[in-house]
Amino acid sequence: QGQLMESGGDSVQTGESLRLSCAASAYISSGYCMGWFRQAPGQEREGVAAIATDGSTTYADSVKGRFTISRDNPKKTLYLQMNSLKPEDTAMYYCAADWNVRLCRQFRFGYWGQGTQVTVTV
């Protein structure tokens, strides 16, 4: 695939910040709704945030007020700024996209990358 490529994952302490980045291929145009979901070992997938083509955003309750999603359309890059990180945020984070904004806002995506690991220690 290689249509979405995440970077920026790291191991940090509780309360610290990280910014994840996602580079999209030409196939993923600025017309796609994009977002992030995460999955911890033994856990279900959890939608994190989504941003539509008009810039409107959707966040999971668990990250509201702490995470910010943004996109740079000319650079075809998606970002996730994560502040006040908690151990519960530890997971593999996946950049994702879908043409259907309604599905995207429900964190249901047709495309995603390989993931980048975020670990938050106590």
Protein backbone atom coordinates (compact mmCIF):
# COMPACT_ATOMS: atom_id res chain seq x y z
CA GLN A 1 0.00 0.00 0.00
CA GLY A 2 2.22 2.81 1.28
CA GLN A 3 -0.52 5.38 0.72
CA LEU A 4 -0.27 6.70 4.28
CA MET A 5 2.89 6.82 6.38
CA GLU A 6 2.92 7.80 10.05
CA SER A 7 5.85 9.13 12.05
CA GLY A 8 6.56 10.79 15.37
CA GLY A 9 5.72 8.04 17.82
CA ASP A 10 7.92 7.83 20.90
CA SER A 11 8.08 6.89 24.55
CA VAL A 12 7.29 9.80 26.88
CA GLN A 13 6.31 10.41 30.48
CA THR A 14 2.86 11.26 31.77
CA GLY A 15 1.97 14.89 31.08
CA GLU A 16 4.34 15.32 28.16
CA SER A 17 3.47 16.02 24.53
CA LEU A 18 4.03 14.47 21.13
CA ARG A 19 3.15 15.42 17.58
CA LEU A 20 2.41 12.69 15.09
CA SER A 21 2.67 13.28 11.36
CA CYS A 22 1.23 11.42 8.39
CA ALA A 23 2.37 11.77 4.81
CA ALA A 24 -0.22 10.89 2.19
CA SER A 25 0.47 9.62 -1.31
CA ALA A 26 -1.01 11.22 -4.41
CA TYR A 27 -3.85 8.69 -4.28
CA ILE A 28 -5.07 10.26 -1.03
CA SER A 29 -6.08 13.67 -2.29
CA SER A 30 -7.15 16.75 -0.38
CA GLY A 31 -10.72 15.66 -1.06
CA TYR A 32 -10.44 12.86 1.50
CA CYS A 33 -11.56 13.11 5.07
CA MET A 34 -8.64 12.05 7.24
CA GLY A 35 -8.14 10.96 10.80
CA TRP A 36 -6.42 8.86 13.42
CA PHE A 37 -7.37 5.74 15.30
CA ARG A 38 -5.41 3.76 17.85
CA GLN A 39 -5.22 0.26 19.20
CA ALA A 40 -3.60 -1.05 22.35
CA PRO A 41 -2.71 -4.74 22.82
CA GLY A 42 -5.81 -6.76 23.60
CA GLN A 43 -8.07 -3.76 23.05
CA GLU A 44 -10.56 -2.80 20.38
CA ARG A 45 -9.74 -0.13 17.84
CA GLU A 46 -10.57 3.33 19.12
CA GLY A 47 -11.20 6.30 16.90
CA VAL A 48 -9.23 9.34 18.02
CA ALA A 49 -9.88 12.27 15.71
CA ALA A 50 -11.02 13.15 12.21
CA ILE A 51 -10.87 16.22 10.01
CA ALA A 52 -13.02 16.80 6.95
CA THR A 53 -12.16 18.73 3.81
CA ASP A 54 -13.85 21.84 5.19
CA GLY A 55 -11.64 21.71 8.27
CA SER A 56 -14.35 20.57 10.65
CA THR A 57 -13.10 18.18 13.31
CA THR A 58 -14.38 15.32 15.42
CA TYR A 59 -12.74 13.99 18.57
CA ALA A 60 -13.23 11.03 20.82
CA ASP A 61 -14.36 12.02 24.30
CA SER A 62 -11.23 10.46 25.73
CA VAL A 63 -8.97 12.97 23.95
CA LYS A 64 -11.08 16.14 23.78
CA GLY A 65 -9.22 19.13 25.11
CA ARG A 66 -5.89 17.34 24.90
CA PHE A 67 -5.42 16.35 21.25
CA THR A 68 -5.65 18.54 18.15
CA ILE A 69 -5.91 17.27 14.59
CA SER A 70 -4.86 19.42 11.66
CA ARG A 71 -3.94 19.07 8.01
CA ASP A 72 -1.76 20.83 5.49
CA ASN A 73 -3.42 20.12 2.17
CA PRO A 74 -0.69 21.45 -0.15
CA LYS A 75 1.85 19.27 1.66
CA LYS A 76 -0.59 16.37 1.88
CA THR A 77 0.30 15.97 5.52
CA LEU A 78 -1.88 15.21 8.54
CA TYR A 79 -0.92 15.98 12.14
CA LEU A 80 -2.02 14.98 15.60
CA GLN A 81 -0.80 17.16 18.43
CA MET A 82 -1.09 15.23 21.67
CA ASN A 83 -0.77 17.11 24.95
CA SER A 84 -1.12 16.06 28.57
CA LEU A 85 -0.49 12.46 27.64
CA LYS A 86 -1.65 9.72 29.96
CA PRO A 87 -0.64 6.06 30.27
CA GLU A 88 -4.08 5.21 28.85
CA ASP A 89 -2.98 6.85 25.58
CA THR A 90 -0.39 4.13 25.04
CA ALA A 91 -1.20 2.45 21.73
CA MET A 92 -0.28 2.03 18.12
CA TYR A 93 -1.58 5.10 16.30
CA TYR A 94 -2.75 4.82 12.72
CA CYS A 95 -3.26 7.55 10.17
CA ALA A 96 -6.39 6.92 8.13
CA ALA A 97 -8.55 8.35 5.35
CA ASP A 98 -11.85 7.90 3.57
CA TRP A 99 -13.71 9.70 0.82
CA ASN A 100 -16.97 9.41 2.76
CA VAL A 101 -17.00 12.15 5.38
CA ARG A 102 -19.95 10.62 7.25
CA LEU A 103 -18.06 7.39 7.81
CA CYS A 104 -14.88 9.28 8.56
CA ARG A 105 -16.57 11.25 11.33
CA GLN A 106 -17.57 7.92 12.85
CA PHE A 107 -13.90 6.91 12.68
CA ARG A 108 -14.64 4.35 10.00
CA PHE A 109 -11.92 4.50 7.38
CA GLY A 110 -11.15 2.70 4.16
CA TYR A 111 -7.43 3.40 4.16
CA TRP A 112 -4.79 3.43 6.89
CA GLY A 113 -1.07 3.24 7.37
CA GLN A 114 1.25 0.90 9.23
CA GLY A 115 1.07 2.78 12.51
CA THR A 116 3.48 4.49 14.88
CA GLN A 117 3.90 3.46 18.50
CA VAL A 118 3.16 5.88 21.33
CA THR A 119 4.10 4.80 24.84
CA VAL A 120 3.34 6.90 27.90
CA THR A 121 5.01 5.85 31.13
CA VAL A 122 3.93 6.71 34.65
